[in-house]
């Protein structure tokens, strides 16, 4: 047995070796980066000068900005903008998943049909597509549902249908679906082939493999660009004037500025609300990404590190005791 070391002493938090006593803690001296402080000072000065110039510039008309920031028409426009964004993205996600599955399908008819859809809607500007949807009542004055050349069960007079909002949602959704299809396809392709092979070996069909095995794992890749597309959709709603639909945020601000002839403060009002909604969406995207990123990284959180340290301290041998 080893001789006793005398009265117990407090254990130092410094790193120790097995039988050679305590090791002096490493005194790490951080490197100095004077260039960072200089760059930060320059940026702060430029920002302060910009804020001062904007505050003292009469062209911004801050009194008009404050007057219309919470105007009921502007708030109504924010509501329509959110409705357009949510409904169009819902159509885009559902249709995008369907198109991505068609692109990956072994059926050549489905695969080439999806490719033609993506070719058309990604190859033409969204504004041009919205103009076509605005002219839809002129192109198709009436729609008949039934058996072609035999019997029609229902008739819809499109010209009498005042559905600019509906056409705006459809136009935005169909265009965005082409991009969502590529995002979903990239996410599905990121899943290893062994996952699909294992599912097939278990007796799953191709559809069951996609729904139960591949798509849940692909969400880690799909979520970040989908959040970016959602934010982009929010700003793309300003183009629905081509339908024409002018009740969304930018359309409301443009109508008000056409009356008071002050476009600059109204543009500032619209920009402020776009920034507010975008900021909320970015926060939601961050938490959604963090939720689906569980288990994808070997880096431990602070709580996990503390639990690991406590477990190691409880399992470590007591200092000065035990056989030599």
C-alpha atoms as a PDB file:
ATOM      1  CA  UNK A   1       0.000   0.000   0.000  1.00  0.00           C
ATOM      2  CA  UNK A   2       1.193   3.505  -0.720  1.00  0.00           C
ATOM      3  CA  UNK A   3       1.911   5.744   2.284  1.00  0.00           C
ATOM      4  CA  UNK A   4      -0.666   8.287   3.235  1.00  0.00           C
ATOM      5  CA  UNK A   5      -0.220  11.745   1.809  1.00  0.00           C
ATOM      6  CA  UNK A   6      -1.389  13.524   4.917  1.00  0.00           C
ATOM      7  CA  UNK A   7      -4.391  15.781   5.332  1.00  0.00           C
ATOM      8  CA  UNK A   8      -6.623  16.054   2.325  1.00  0.00           C
ATOM      9  CA  UNK A   9      -6.202  19.207   0.276  1.00  0.00           C
ATOM     10  CA  UNK A  10      -8.647  20.881  -2.060  1.00  0.00           C
ATOM     11  CA  UNK A  11      -8.489  19.507  -5.559  1.00  0.00           C
ATOM     12  CA  UNK A  12      -7.394  22.014  -8.157  1.00  0.00           C
ATOM     13  CA  UNK A  13      -9.333  22.407 -11.380  1.00  0.00           C
ATOM     14  CA  UNK A  14      -6.066  22.493 -13.283  1.00  0.00           C
ATOM     15  CA  UNK A  15      -5.105  19.499 -15.444  1.00  0.00           C
ATOM     16  CA  UNK A  16      -3.283  16.754 -13.503  1.00  0.00           C
ATOM     17  CA  UNK A  17      -1.166  13.759 -14.333  1.00  0.00           C
ATOM     18  CA  UNK A  18      -1.426  10.329 -12.697  1.00  0.00           C
ATOM     19  CA  UNK A  19       1.570  10.283 -10.251  1.00  0.00           C
ATOM     20  CA  UNK A  20       3.508  13.465 -10.904  1.00  0.00           C
ATOM     21  CA  UNK A  21       1.391  15.984  -9.059  1.00  0.00           C
ATOM     22  CA  UNK A  22      -0.625  18.886 -10.402  1.00  0.00           C
ATOM     23  CA  UNK A  23       0.226  20.525 -13.683  1.00  0.00           C
ATOM     24  CA  UNK A  24       0.231  24.275 -13.917  1.00  0.00           C
ATOM     25  CA  UNK A  25      -2.741  25.587 -15.882  1.00  0.00           C
ATOM     26  CA  UNK A  26      -2.001  26.901 -19.330  1.00  0.00           C
ATOM     27  CA  UNK A  27      -2.154  30.671 -19.439  1.00  0.00           C
ATOM     28  CA  UNK A  28      -3.503  31.307 -22.910  1.00  0.00           C
ATOM     29  CA  UNK A  29      -2.979  34.864 -24.107  1.00  0.00           C
ATOM     30  CA  UNK A  30      -5.414  35.780 -26.888  1.00  0.00           C
ATOM     31  CA  UNK A  31      -3.968  37.307 -29.992  1.00  0.00           C
ATOM     32  CA  UNK A  32      -4.564  40.986 -30.464  1.00  0.00           C
ATOM     33  CA  UNK A  33      -6.393  42.087 -33.582  1.00  0.00           C
ATOM     34  CA  UNK A  34      -6.140  45.877 -33.847  1.00  0.00           C
ATOM     35  CA  UNK A  35      -7.452  45.743 -37.404  1.00  0.00           C
ATOM     36  CA  UNK A  36     -10.807  44.482 -36.157  1.00  0.00           C
ATOM     37  CA  UNK A  37     -11.200  47.425 -33.790  1.00  0.00           C
ATOM     38  CA  UNK A  38     -10.253  49.880 -36.528  1.00  0.00           C
ATOM     39  CA  UNK A  39     -12.743  48.297 -38.960  1.00  0.00           C
ATOM     40  CA  UNK A  40     -15.484  48.326 -36.298  1.00  0.00           C
ATOM     41  CA  UNK A  41     -14.814  52.010 -35.571  1.00  0.00           C
ATOM     42  CA  UNK A  42     -14.982  52.895 -39.258  1.00  0.00           C
ATOM     43  CA  UNK A  43     -18.260  50.984 -39.690  1.00  0.00           C
ATOM     44  CA  UNK A  44     -19.811  52.645 -36.630  1.00  0.00           C
ATOM     45  CA  UNK A  45     -18.812  56.091 -37.883  1.00  0.00           C
ATOM     46  CA  UNK A  46     -20.300  55.411 -41.328  1.00  0.00           C
ATOM     47  CA  UNK A  47     -23.535  54.092 -39.796  1.00  0.00           C
ATOM     48  CA  UNK A  48     -23.805  57.121 -37.510  1.00  0.00           C
ATOM     49  CA  UNK A  49     -23.258  59.485 -40.446  1.00  0.00           C
ATOM     50  CA  UNK A  50     -25.915  57.662 -42.497  1.00  0.00           C
ATOM     51  CA  UNK A  51     -28.445  57.799 -39.656  1.00  0.00           C
ATOM     52  CA  UNK A  52     -27.758  61.481 -39.065  1.00  0.00           C
ATOM     53  CA  UNK A  53     -28.060  62.250 -42.774  1.00  0.00           C
ATOM     54  CA  UNK A  54     -31.324  60.324 -43.091  1.00  0.00           C
ATOM     55  CA  UNK A  55     -32.776  61.956 -39.968  1.00  0.00           C
ATOM     56  CA  UNK A  56     -32.004  65.472 -41.206  1.00  0.00           C
ATOM     57  CA  UNK A  57     -32.964  64.874 -44.851  1.00  0.00           C
ATOM     58  CA  UNK A  58     -36.358  66.403 -45.533  1.00  0.00           C
ATOM     59  CA  UNK A  59     -36.942  64.187 -48.585  1.00  0.00           C
ATOM     60  CA  UNK A  60     -37.721  61.222 -46.343  1.00  0.00           C
ATOM     61  CA  UNK A  61     -40.665  63.091 -44.762  1.00  0.00           C
ATOM     62  CA  UNK A  62     -40.562  61.191 -41.478  1.00  0.00           C
ATOM     63  CA  UNK A  63     -43.818  62.774 -40.322  1.00  0.00           C
ATOM     64  CA  UNK A  64     -45.620  61.161 -43.267  1.00  0.00           C
ATOM     65  CA  UNK A  65     -43.809  57.899 -42.540  1.00  0.00           C
ATOM     66  CA  UNK A  66     -45.047  57.914 -38.935  1.00  0.00           C
ATOM     67  CA  UNK A  67     -48.559  58.823 -40.056  1.00  0.00           C
ATOM     68  CA  UNK A  68     -48.989  55.846 -42.403  1.00  0.00           C
ATOM     69  CA  UNK A  69     -46.863  53.210 -40.613  1.00  0.00           C
ATOM     70  CA  UNK A  70     -49.892  51.831 -38.750  1.00  0.00           C
ATOM     71  CA  UNK A  71     -52.563  52.990 -41.172  1.00  0.00           C
ATOM     72  CA  UNK A  72     -55.447  50.531 -41.477  1.00  0.00           C
ATOM     73  CA  UNK A  73     -54.931  50.213 -45.237  1.00  0.00           C
ATOM     74  CA  UNK A  74     -51.270  49.349 -44.741  1.00  0.00           C
ATOM     75  CA  UNK A  75     -52.133  46.777 -42.063  1.00  0.00           C
ATOM     76  CA  UNK A  76     -54.751  45.286 -44.367  1.00  0.00           C
ATOM     77  CA  UNK A  77     -52.079  45.058 -47.051  1.00  0.00           C
ATOM     78  CA  UNK A  78     -49.802  43.203 -44.629  1.00  0.00           C
ATOM     79  CA  UNK A  79     -52.602  40.709 -44.010  1.00  0.00           C
ATOM     80  CA  UNK A  80     -53.136  40.096 -47.731  1.00  0.00           C
ATOM     81  CA  UNK A  81     -49.376  39.740 -48.232  1.00  0.00           C
ATOM     82  CA  UNK A  82     -49.190  37.074 -45.526  1.00  0.00           C
ATOM     83  CA  UNK A  83     -52.219  35.275 -46.976  1.00  0.00           C
ATOM     84  CA  UNK A  84     -50.679  35.261 -50.456  1.00  0.00           C
ATOM     85  CA  UNK A  85     -47.374  33.988 -49.064  1.00  0.00           C
ATOM     86  CA  UNK A  86     -48.843  31.172 -46.961  1.00  0.00           C
ATOM     87  CA  UNK A  87     -51.328  29.916 -49.566  1.00  0.00           C
ATOM     88  CA  UNK A  88     -48.874  30.082 -52.461  1.00  0.00           C
ATOM     89  CA  UNK A  89     -46.176  28.266 -50.460  1.00  0.00           C
ATOM     90  CA  UNK A  90     -48.676  25.589 -49.419  1.00  0.00           C
ATOM     91  CA  UNK A  91     -49.468  24.922 -53.086  1.00  0.00           C
ATOM     92  CA  UNK A  92     -45.769  25.047 -53.977  1.00  0.00           C
ATOM     93  CA  UNK A  93     -44.699  22.573 -51.275  1.00  0.00           C
ATOM     94  CA  UNK A  94     -47.385  20.013 -52.056  1.00  0.00           C
ATOM     95  CA  UNK A  95     -46.925  20.256 -55.804  1.00  0.00           C
ATOM     96  CA  UNK A  96     -43.128  20.467 -55.453  1.00  0.00           C
ATOM     97  CA  UNK A  97     -42.968  17.195 -53.500  1.00  0.00           C
ATOM     98  CA  UNK A  98     -45.173  15.547 -56.123  1.00  0.00           C
ATOM     99  CA  UNK A  99     -43.001  16.841 -58.975  1.00  0.00           C
ATOM    100  CA  UNK A 100     -39.805  15.743 -57.223  1.00  0.00           C
ATOM    101  CA  UNK A 101     -41.189  12.226 -56.784  1.00  0.00           C
ATOM    102  CA  UNK A 102     -42.170  12.229 -60.453  1.00  0.00           C
ATOM    103  CA  UNK A 103     -38.639  13.307 -61.426  1.00  0.00           C
ATOM    104  CA  UNK A 104     -37.189  10.418 -59.425  1.00  0.00           C
ATOM    105  CA  UNK A 105     -39.790   7.903 -60.565  1.00  0.00           C
ATOM    106  CA  UNK A 106     -38.698   4.979 -62.754  1.00  0.00           C
ATOM    107  CA  UNK A 107     -41.742   5.704 -64.944  1.00  0.00           C
ATOM    108  CA  UNK A 108     -40.444   7.672 -67.986  1.00  0.00           C
ATOM    109  CA  UNK A 109     -43.831   9.325 -68.630  1.00  0.00           C
ATOM    110  CA  UNK A 110     -43.953  10.824 -65.131  1.00  0.00           C
ATOM    111  CA  UNK A 111     -40.275  11.730 -65.235  1.00  0.00           C
ATOM    112  CA  UNK A 112     -40.447  13.651 -68.531  1.00  0.00           C
ATOM    113  CA  UNK A 113     -43.768  15.296 -67.636  1.00  0.00           C
ATOM    114  CA  UNK A 114     -42.186  16.737 -64.497  1.00  0.00           C
ATOM    115  CA  UNK A 115     -39.137  17.847 -66.495  1.00  0.00           C
ATOM    116  CA  UNK A 116     -41.313  19.749 -68.998  1.00  0.00           C
ATOM    117  CA  UNK A 117     -43.166  21.468 -66.136  1.00  0.00           C
ATOM    118  CA  UNK A 118     -39.894  22.598 -64.562  1.00  0.00           C
ATOM    119  CA  UNK A 119     -38.556  23.699 -67.934  1.00  0.00           C
ATOM    120  CA  UNK A 120     -41.542  25.981 -68.564  1.00  0.00           C
ATOM    121  CA  UNK A 121     -42.016  27.519 -65.123  1.00  0.00           C
ATOM    122  CA  UNK A 122     -38.318  27.982 -64.379  1.00  0.00           C
ATOM    123  CA  UNK A 123     -37.570  29.266 -67.851  1.00  0.00           C
ATOM    124  CA  UNK A 124     -40.095  32.131 -67.914  1.00  0.00           C
ATOM    125  CA  UNK A 125     -40.186  35.140 -65.559  1.00  0.00           C
ATOM    126  CA  UNK A 126     -42.726  35.051 -62.746  1.00  0.00           C
ATOM    127  CA  UNK A 127     -44.016  38.494 -63.777  1.00  0.00           C
ATOM    128  CA  UNK A 128     -44.821  37.221 -67.273  1.00  0.00           C
ATOM    129  CA  UNK A 129     -46.624  34.222 -65.779  1.00  0.00           C
ATOM    130  CA  UNK A 130     -48.675  36.500 -63.522  1.00  0.00           C
ATOM    131  CA  UNK A 131     -49.637  38.615 -66.540  1.00  0.00           C
ATOM    132  CA  UNK A 132     -50.932  35.463 -68.244  1.00  0.00           C
ATOM    133  CA  UNK A 133     -52.964  34.619 -65.151  1.00  0.00           C
ATOM    134  CA  UNK A 134     -54.387  38.134 -65.244  1.00  0.00           C
ATOM    135  CA  UNK A 135     -55.443  37.513 -68.844  1.00  0.00           C
ATOM    136  CA  UNK A 136     -56.839  34.065 -68.033  1.00  0.00           C
ATOM    137  CA  UNK A 137     -60.494  35.268 -68.182  1.00  0.00           C
ATOM    138  CA  UNK A 138     -59.828  36.617 -71.680  1.00  0.00           C
ATOM    139  CA  UNK A 139     -58.176  33.404 -72.863  1.00  0.00           C
ATOM    140  CA  UNK A 140     -60.721  31.011 -71.331  1.00  0.00           C
ATOM    141  CA  UNK A 141     -64.032  32.818 -71.082  1.00  0.00           C
ATOM    142  CA  UNK A 142     -65.904  29.741 -69.891  1.00  0.00           C
ATOM    143  CA  UNK A 143     -64.863  26.372 -68.481  1.00  0.00           C
ATOM    144  CA  UNK A 144     -67.051  23.307 -68.968  1.00  0.00           C
ATOM    145  CA  UNK A 145     -66.731  20.198 -66.797  1.00  0.00           C
ATOM    146  CA  UNK A 146     -67.988  16.861 -68.072  1.00  0.00           C
ATOM    147  CA  UNK A 147     -67.386  14.255 -70.739  1.00  0.00           C
ATOM    148  CA  UNK A 148     -65.749  15.888 -73.793  1.00  0.00           C
ATOM    149  CA  UNK A 149     -68.038  16.159 -76.842  1.00  0.00           C
ATOM    150  CA  UNK A 150     -70.760  14.205 -75.008  1.00  0.00           C
ATOM    151  CA  UNK A 151     -72.171  15.920 -71.943  1.00  0.00           C
ATOM    152  CA  UNK A 152     -71.102  18.782 -69.655  1.00  0.00           C
ATOM    153  CA  UNK A 153     -72.107  18.694 -66.009  1.00  0.00           C
ATOM    154  CA  UNK A 154     -71.134  22.216 -64.950  1.00  0.00           C
ATOM    155  CA  UNK A 155     -70.280  25.547 -66.549  1.00  0.00           C
ATOM    156  CA  UNK A 156     -68.147  28.330 -65.052  1.00  0.00           C
ATOM    157  CA  UNK A 157     -68.186  31.840 -66.475  1.00  0.00           C
ATOM    158  CA  UNK A 158     -64.606  32.972 -65.816  1.00  0.00           C
ATOM    159  CA  UNK A 159     -65.174  36.548 -67.020  1.00  0.00           C
ATOM    160  CA  UNK A 160     -67.934  37.043 -64.464  1.00  0.00           C
ATOM    161  CA  UNK A 161     -65.726  35.581 -61.739  1.00  0.00           C
ATOM    162  CA  UNK A 162     -63.863  38.331 -59.865  1.00  0.00           C
ATOM    163  CA  UNK A 163     -61.015  36.188 -58.572  1.00  0.00           C
ATOM    164  CA  UNK A 164     -57.841  38.267 -58.870  1.00  0.00           C
ATOM    165  CA  UNK A 165     -56.664  37.040 -55.456  1.00  0.00           C
ATOM    166  CA  UNK A 166     -57.216  33.402 -56.471  1.00  0.00           C
ATOM    167  CA  UNK A 167     -55.331  33.850 -59.743  1.00  0.00           C
ATOM    168  CA  UNK A 168     -52.475  35.564 -57.884  1.00  0.00           C
ATOM    169  CA  UNK A 169     -52.193  32.633 -55.454  1.00  0.00           C
ATOM    170  CA  UNK A 170     -52.288  30.080 -58.283  1.00  0.00           C
ATOM    171  CA  UNK A 171     -49.699  31.981 -60.333  1.00  0.00           C
ATOM    172  CA  UNK A 172     -47.277  32.324 -57.431  1.00  0.00           C
ATOM    173  CA  UNK A 173     -47.812  28.755 -56.256  1.00  0.00           C
ATOM    174  CA  UNK A 174     -47.297  27.111 -59.658  1.00  0.00           C
ATOM    175  CA  UNK A 175     -44.119  29.101 -60.267  1.00  0.00           C
ATOM    176  CA  UNK A 176     -42.670  28.345 -56.840  1.00  0.00           C
ATOM    177  CA  UNK A 177     -43.513  24.636 -57.178  1.00  0.00           C
ATOM    178  CA  UNK A 178     -40.877  24.309 -59.901  1.00  0.00           C
ATOM    179  CA  UNK A 179     -38.172  25.518 -57.512  1.00  0.00           C
ATOM    180  CA  UNK A 180     -39.486  23.496 -54.577  1.00  0.00           C
ATOM    181  CA  UNK A 181     -39.342  20.373 -56.742  1.00  0.00           C
ATOM    182  CA  UNK A 182     -35.603  20.842 -57.254  1.00  0.00           C
ATOM    183  CA  UNK A 183     -35.073  21.512 -53.540  1.00  0.00           C
ATOM    184  CA  UNK A 184     -36.923  18.333 -52.581  1.00  0.00           C
ATOM    185  CA  UNK A 185     -35.096  16.341 -55.257  1.00  0.00           C
ATOM    186  CA  UNK A 186     -31.733  17.551 -53.901  1.00  0.00           C
ATOM    187  CA  UNK A 187     -32.779  16.573 -50.380  1.00  0.00           C
ATOM    188  CA  UNK A 188     -33.898  13.119 -51.490  1.00  0.00           C
ATOM    189  CA  UNK A 189     -30.686  12.602 -53.452  1.00  0.00           C
ATOM    190  CA  UNK A 190     -28.651  13.434 -50.327  1.00  0.00           C
ATOM    191  CA  UNK A 191     -29.961  10.302 -48.569  1.00  0.00           C
ATOM    192  CA  UNK A 192     -27.687   7.306 -49.053  1.00  0.00           C
ATOM    193  CA  UNK A 193     -28.758   4.583 -51.430  1.00  0.00           C
ATOM    194  CA  UNK A 194     -28.305   2.042 -48.662  1.00  0.00           C
ATOM    195  CA  UNK A 195     -31.358   3.449 -46.901  1.00  0.00           C
ATOM    196  CA  UNK A 196     -33.545   2.762 -49.929  1.00  0.00           C
ATOM    197  CA  UNK A 197     -32.015  -0.665 -50.450  1.00  0.00           C
ATOM    198  CA  UNK A 198     -32.690  -1.591 -46.827  1.00  0.00           C
ATOM    199  CA  UNK A 199     -36.306  -0.484 -47.133  1.00  0.00           C
ATOM    200  CA  UNK A 200     -36.785  -2.524 -50.300  1.00  0.00           C
ATOM    201  CA  UNK A 201     -35.215  -5.509 -48.555  1.00  0.00           C
ATOM    202  CA  UNK A 202     -37.832  -5.142 -45.808  1.00  0.00           C
ATOM    203  CA  UNK A 203     -40.571  -5.462 -48.419  1.00  0.00           C
ATOM    204  CA  UNK A 204     -41.525  -1.793 -48.817  1.00  0.00           C
ATOM    205  CA  UNK A 205     -42.717  -0.491 -52.153  1.00  0.00           C
ATOM    206  CA  UNK A 206     -41.067   2.493 -53.860  1.00  0.00           C
ATOM    207  CA  UNK A 207     -43.795   4.841 -52.581  1.00  0.00           C
ATOM    208  CA  UNK A 208     -43.500   3.533 -49.018  1.00  0.00           C
ATOM    209  CA  UNK A 209     -39.724   3.866 -49.170  1.00  0.00           C
ATOM    210  CA  UNK A 210     -40.003   7.522 -50.178  1.00  0.00           C
ATOM    211  CA  UNK A 211     -42.655   8.314 -47.576  1.00  0.00           C
ATOM    212  CA  UNK A 212     -41.265   6.385 -44.601  1.00  0.00           C
ATOM    213  CA  UNK A 213     -37.512   6.327 -45.097  1.00  0.00           C
ATOM    214  CA  UNK A 214     -36.185   8.874 -47.556  1.00  0.00           C
ATOM    215  CA  UNK A 215     -38.281  12.017 -47.071  1.00  0.00           C
ATOM    216  CA  UNK A 216     -37.959  12.175 -43.248  1.00  0.00           C
ATOM    217  CA  UNK A 217     -34.152  12.070 -43.549  1.00  0.00           C
ATOM    218  CA  UNK A 218     -34.124  14.534 -46.435  1.00  0.00           C
ATOM    219  CA  UNK A 219     -35.813  17.200 -44.307  1.00  0.00           C
ATOM    220  CA  UNK A 220     -32.433  18.324 -42.947  1.00  0.00           C
ATOM    221  CA  UNK A 221     -31.439  19.348 -46.450  1.00  0.00           C
ATOM    222  CA  UNK A 222     -34.872  20.578 -47.539  1.00  0.00           C
ATOM    223  CA  UNK A 223     -35.725  22.908 -44.629  1.00  0.00           C
ATOM    224  CA  UNK A 224     -33.017  25.634 -45.025  1.00  0.00           C
ATOM    225  CA  UNK A 225     -33.644  26.440 -48.726  1.00  0.00           C
ATOM    226  CA  UNK A 226     -37.401  26.154 -48.154  1.00  0.00           C
ATOM    227  CA  UNK A 227     -37.150  28.876 -45.524  1.00  0.00           C
ATOM    228  CA  UNK A 228     -35.262  31.036 -47.994  1.00  0.00           C
ATOM    229  CA  UNK A 229     -37.926  30.416 -50.629  1.00  0.00           C
ATOM    230  CA  UNK A 230     -40.633  31.403 -48.137  1.00  0.00           C
ATOM    231  CA  UNK A 231     -38.893  34.719 -47.498  1.00  0.00           C
ATOM    232  CA  UNK A 232     -38.424  35.193 -51.224  1.00  0.00           C
ATOM    233  CA  UNK A 233     -42.125  34.466 -51.788  1.00  0.00           C
ATOM    234  CA  UNK A 234     -43.039  37.192 -49.297  1.00  0.00           C
ATOM    235  CA  UNK A 235     -41.193  39.734 -51.426  1.00  0.00           C
ATOM    236  CA  UNK A 236     -42.419  38.286 -54.731  1.00  0.00           C
ATOM    237  CA  UNK A 237     -46.000  39.100 -53.725  1.00  0.00           C
ATOM    238  CA  UNK A 238     -45.232  42.697 -54.700  1.00  0.00           C
ATOM    239  CA  UNK A 239     -45.482  41.545 -58.355  1.00  0.00           C
ATOM    240  CA  UNK A 240     -49.129  40.491 -58.174  1.00  0.00           C
ATOM    241  CA  UNK A 241     -50.107  43.892 -59.579  1.00  0.00           C
ATOM    242  CA  UNK A 242     -49.675  42.123 -62.922  1.00  0.00           C
ATOM    243  CA  UNK A 243     -52.789  39.988 -62.259  1.00  0.00           C
ATOM    244  CA  UNK A 244     -53.982  42.743 -61.345  1.00  0.00           C
ATOM    245  CA  UNK A 245     -54.330  42.600 -57.568  1.00  0.00           C
ATOM    246  CA  UNK A 246     -53.402  45.698 -55.578  1.00  0.00           C
ATOM    247  CA  UNK A 247     -54.602  44.984 -52.042  1.00  0.00           C
ATOM    248  CA  UNK A 248     -51.278  43.592 -50.807  1.00  0.00           C
ATOM    249  CA  UNK A 249     -48.694  45.678 -48.971  1.00  0.00           C
ATOM    250  CA  UNK A 250     -46.809  47.232 -51.864  1.00  0.00           C
ATOM    251  CA  UNK A 251     -50.005  47.836 -53.830  1.00  0.00           C
ATOM    252  CA  UNK A 252     -51.554  49.657 -50.856  1.00  0.00           C
ATOM    253  CA  UNK A 253     -48.454  51.807 -50.385  1.00  0.00           C
ATOM    254  CA  UNK A 254     -48.392  52.607 -54.101  1.00  0.00           C
ATOM    255  CA  UNK A 255     -52.077  53.583 -54.108  1.00  0.00           C
ATOM    256  CA  UNK A 256     -51.620  55.902 -51.123  1.00  0.00           C
ATOM    257  CA  UNK A 257     -48.541  57.531 -52.645  1.00  0.00           C
ATOM    258  CA  UNK A 258     -50.503  58.088 -55.862  1.00  0.00           C
ATOM    259  CA  UNK A 259     -52.915  60.250 -53.875  1.00  0.00           C
ATOM    260  CA  UNK A 260     -50.577  62.257 -51.640  1.00  0.00           C
ATOM    261  CA  UNK A 261     -47.670  62.318 -54.164  1.00  0.00           C
ATOM    262  CA  UNK A 262     -45.154  61.246 -51.519  1.00  0.00           C
ATOM    263  CA  UNK A 263     -43.710  57.928 -52.745  1.00  0.00           C
ATOM    264  CA  UNK A 264     -40.524  57.946 -50.650  1.00  0.00           C
ATOM    265  CA  UNK A 265     -42.096  57.757 -47.155  1.00  0.00           C
ATOM    266  CA  UNK A 266     -44.643  55.192 -48.379  1.00  0.00           C
ATOM    267  CA  UNK A 267     -41.845  53.052 -49.791  1.00  0.00           C
ATOM    268  CA  UNK A 268     -40.152  53.306 -46.396  1.00  0.00           C
ATOM    269  CA  UNK A 269     -43.373  52.161 -44.732  1.00  0.00           C
ATOM    270  CA  UNK A 270     -43.655  49.136 -47.024  1.00  0.00           C
ATOM    271  CA  UNK A 271     -39.970  48.297 -46.541  1.00  0.00           C
ATOM    272  CA  UNK A 272     -40.346  48.464 -42.761  1.00  0.00           C
ATOM    273  CA  UNK A 273     -43.200  45.972 -42.734  1.00  0.00           C
ATOM    274  CA  UNK A 274     -41.386  43.658 -45.153  1.00  0.00           C
ATOM    275  CA  UNK A 275     -38.379  43.710 -42.802  1.00  0.00           C
ATOM    276  CA  UNK A 276     -40.551  43.014 -39.752  1.00  0.00           C
ATOM    277  CA  UNK A 277     -42.289  40.002 -41.311  1.00  0.00           C
ATOM    278  CA  UNK A 278     -39.036  38.719 -42.807  1.00  0.00           C
ATOM    279  CA  UNK A 279     -37.329  38.926 -39.402  1.00  0.00           C
ATOM    280  CA  UNK A 280     -40.104  36.857 -37.807  1.00  0.00           C
ATOM    281  CA  UNK A 281     -39.828  34.258 -40.563  1.00  0.00           C
ATOM    282  CA  UNK A 282     -36.045  34.088 -40.139  1.00  0.00           C
ATOM    283  CA  UNK A 283     -36.436  33.387 -36.407  1.00  0.00           C
ATOM    284  CA  UNK A 284     -38.933  30.618 -37.156  1.00  0.00           C
ATOM    285  CA  UNK A 285     -36.585  29.192 -39.790  1.00  0.00           C
ATOM    286  CA  UNK A 286     -33.722  29.111 -37.260  1.00  0.00           C
ATOM    287  CA  UNK A 287     -35.666  27.069 -34.704  1.00  0.00           C
ATOM    288  CA  UNK A 288     -37.061  24.759 -37.379  1.00  0.00           C
ATOM    289  CA  UNK A 289     -33.575  24.082 -38.728  1.00  0.00           C
ATOM    290  CA  UNK A 290     -32.286  23.401 -35.227  1.00  0.00           C
ATOM    291  CA  UNK A 291     -35.126  20.945 -34.609  1.00  0.00           C
ATOM    292  CA  UNK A 292     -34.422  18.901 -37.745  1.00  0.00           C
ATOM    293  CA  UNK A 293     -30.643  19.098 -37.186  1.00  0.00           C
ATOM    294  CA  UNK A 294     -30.844  16.960 -34.028  1.00  0.00           C
ATOM    295  CA  UNK A 295     -28.375  14.122 -34.225  1.00  0.00           C
ATOM    296  CA  UNK A 296     -26.706  15.403 -37.399  1.00  0.00           C
ATOM    297  CA  UNK A 297     -23.659  16.836 -35.603  1.00  0.00           C
ATOM    298  CA  UNK A 298     -21.192  15.363 -33.132  1.00  0.00           C
ATOM    299  CA  UNK A 299     -20.857  18.710 -31.335  1.00  0.00           C
ATOM    300  CA  UNK A 300     -22.362  18.619 -27.836  1.00  0.00           C
ATOM    301  CA  UNK A 301     -24.491  21.358 -26.317  1.00  0.00           C
ATOM    302  CA  UNK A 302     -23.574  23.100 -23.068  1.00  0.00           C
ATOM    303  CA  UNK A 303     -26.034  20.992 -21.098  1.00  0.00           C
ATOM    304  CA  UNK A 304     -24.641  17.777 -22.589  1.00  0.00           C
ATOM    305  CA  UNK A 305     -21.082  18.828 -21.785  1.00  0.00           C
ATOM    306  CA  UNK A 306     -21.992  19.560 -18.153  1.00  0.00           C
ATOM    307  CA  UNK A 307     -23.733  16.185 -17.819  1.00  0.00           C
ATOM    308  CA  UNK A 308     -20.702  14.440 -19.294  1.00  0.00           C
ATOM    309  CA  UNK A 309     -18.339  16.246 -16.904  1.00  0.00           C
ATOM    310  CA  UNK A 310     -20.493  15.309 -13.917  1.00  0.00           C
ATOM    311  CA  UNK A 311     -20.576  11.660 -14.981  1.00  0.00           C
ATOM    312  CA  UNK A 312     -16.797  11.578 -15.377  1.00  0.00           C
ATOM    313  CA  UNK A 313     -16.224  13.238 -11.983  1.00  0.00           C
ATOM    314  CA  UNK A 314     -18.466  10.712 -10.256  1.00  0.00           C
ATOM    315  CA  UNK A 315     -16.713   7.790 -11.897  1.00  0.00           C
ATOM    316  CA  UNK A 316     -13.160   9.081 -11.303  1.00  0.00           C
ATOM    317  CA  UNK A 317     -11.096   7.470  -8.448  1.00  0.00           C
ATOM    318  CA  UNK A 318     -10.626   9.485  -5.252  1.00  0.00           C
ATOM    319  CA  UNK A 319      -7.277  11.276  -4.952  1.00  0.00           C
ATOM    320  CA  UNK A 320      -4.774   9.655  -2.555  1.00  0.00           C
ATOM    321  CA  UNK A 321      -6.757   6.446  -2.005  1.00  0.00           C
ATOM    322  CA  UNK A 322      -6.633   2.938  -3.350  1.00  0.00           C
ATOM    323  CA  UNK A 323      -3.713   0.676  -4.003  1.00  0.00           C
ATOM    324  CA  UNK A 324      -0.501   2.000  -5.423  1.00  0.00           C
END
